[in-house]
């Protein structure tokens, strides 16, 4: 009976140690990722061009009086 209790305690100690090690590794990984650039594949906010109606990422859009516009030269020449 004493051997069974001993092995149960050993298993729980090993599992607890693995859990501590994994959580420490995750904290280090999160701390390292805090200073990195955002993932380029991450979803971006989309806006609609006020001139031609095309949807484009907000980072690529140009501010315009009526909202945003795309960088297409034909769209910039179109009448308002």
Protein backbone atom coordinates (compact mmCIF):
# COMPACT_ATOMS: atom_id res chain seq x y z
CA UNK A 1 0.00 0.00 0.00
CA UNK A 2 2.86 2.36 0.82
CA UNK A 3 4.43 1.89 -2.64
CA UNK A 4 1.18 2.84 -4.38
CA UNK A 5 0.86 6.06 -2.39
CA UNK A 6 4.53 6.84 -3.08
CA UNK A 7 4.08 6.44 -6.87
CA UNK A 8 0.87 8.48 -6.86
CA UNK A 9 2.70 11.31 -5.08
CA UNK A 10 5.61 11.06 -7.57
CA UNK A 11 3.23 11.27 -10.53
CA UNK A 12 1.48 14.34 -9.10
CA UNK A 13 4.81 16.05 -8.38
CA UNK A 14 5.99 15.42 -11.95
CA UNK A 15 2.71 16.71 -13.41
CA UNK A 16 2.88 19.81 -11.21
CA UNK A 17 6.49 20.47 -12.28
CA UNK A 18 5.54 20.14 -15.96
CA UNK A 19 2.67 22.55 -15.49
CA UNK A 20 4.94 25.13 -13.86
CA UNK A 21 7.53 24.72 -16.61
CA UNK A 22 4.91 25.17 -19.39
CA UNK A 23 3.41 28.26 -17.76
CA UNK A 24 6.87 29.83 -17.37
CA UNK A 25 7.61 29.09 -21.02
CA UNK A 26 4.31 30.67 -22.08
CA UNK A 27 5.03 33.80 -20.03
CA UNK A 28 8.46 34.15 -21.67
CA UNK A 29 6.92 33.70 -25.11
CA UNK A 30 4.26 36.36 -24.42
CA UNK A 31 6.86 38.79 -23.11
CA UNK A 32 8.94 38.27 -26.26
CA UNK A 33 5.98 38.79 -28.58
CA UNK A 34 4.90 42.04 -26.93
CA UNK A 35 7.59 44.01 -28.79
CA UNK A 36 7.11 42.42 -32.21
CA UNK A 37 5.25 43.82 -35.19
CA UNK A 38 1.64 42.75 -35.77
CA UNK A 39 1.02 39.70 -37.93
CA UNK A 40 0.58 40.81 -41.56
CA UNK A 41 -1.95 38.04 -42.13
CA UNK A 42 -4.14 39.39 -39.32
CA UNK A 43 -7.51 40.85 -40.40
CA UNK A 44 -7.49 44.57 -41.12
CA UNK A 45 -10.27 47.12 -41.05
CA UNK A 46 -11.76 47.67 -44.50
CA UNK A 47 -13.09 51.00 -45.77
CA UNK A 48 -14.98 51.94 -48.91
CA UNK A 49 -13.65 54.43 -51.44
CA UNK A 50 -15.91 57.48 -51.55
CA UNK A 51 -15.31 57.86 -55.31
CA UNK A 52 -15.54 54.40 -56.88
CA UNK A 53 -16.96 52.26 -54.04
CA UNK A 54 -14.10 49.75 -53.92
CA UNK A 55 -13.35 48.23 -50.50
CA UNK A 56 -9.71 48.36 -49.47
CA UNK A 57 -7.68 47.99 -46.25
CA UNK A 58 -7.72 51.15 -44.15
CA UNK A 59 -3.90 51.17 -44.11
CA UNK A 60 -3.89 51.54 -47.94
CA UNK A 61 -6.67 54.13 -48.11
CA UNK A 62 -6.11 57.87 -48.47
CA UNK A 63 -8.16 60.27 -46.32
CA UNK A 64 -10.61 62.36 -48.31
CA UNK A 65 -13.29 64.90 -47.37
CA UNK A 66 -16.08 62.36 -47.96
CA UNK A 67 -14.35 59.54 -46.10
CA UNK A 68 -11.56 57.60 -47.79
CA UNK A 69 -10.45 57.05 -51.36
CA UNK A 70 -8.28 54.48 -53.07
CA UNK A 71 -4.91 55.33 -54.57
CA UNK A 72 -6.02 54.58 -58.14
CA UNK A 73 -5.17 57.64 -60.31
CA UNK A 74 -8.36 57.17 -62.38
CA UNK A 75 -10.43 57.39 -59.22
CA UNK A 76 -8.72 60.64 -58.18
CA UNK A 77 -9.58 62.22 -61.56
CA UNK A 78 -13.24 61.14 -61.46
CA UNK A 79 -15.75 63.94 -60.87
CA UNK A 80 -17.15 64.23 -57.36
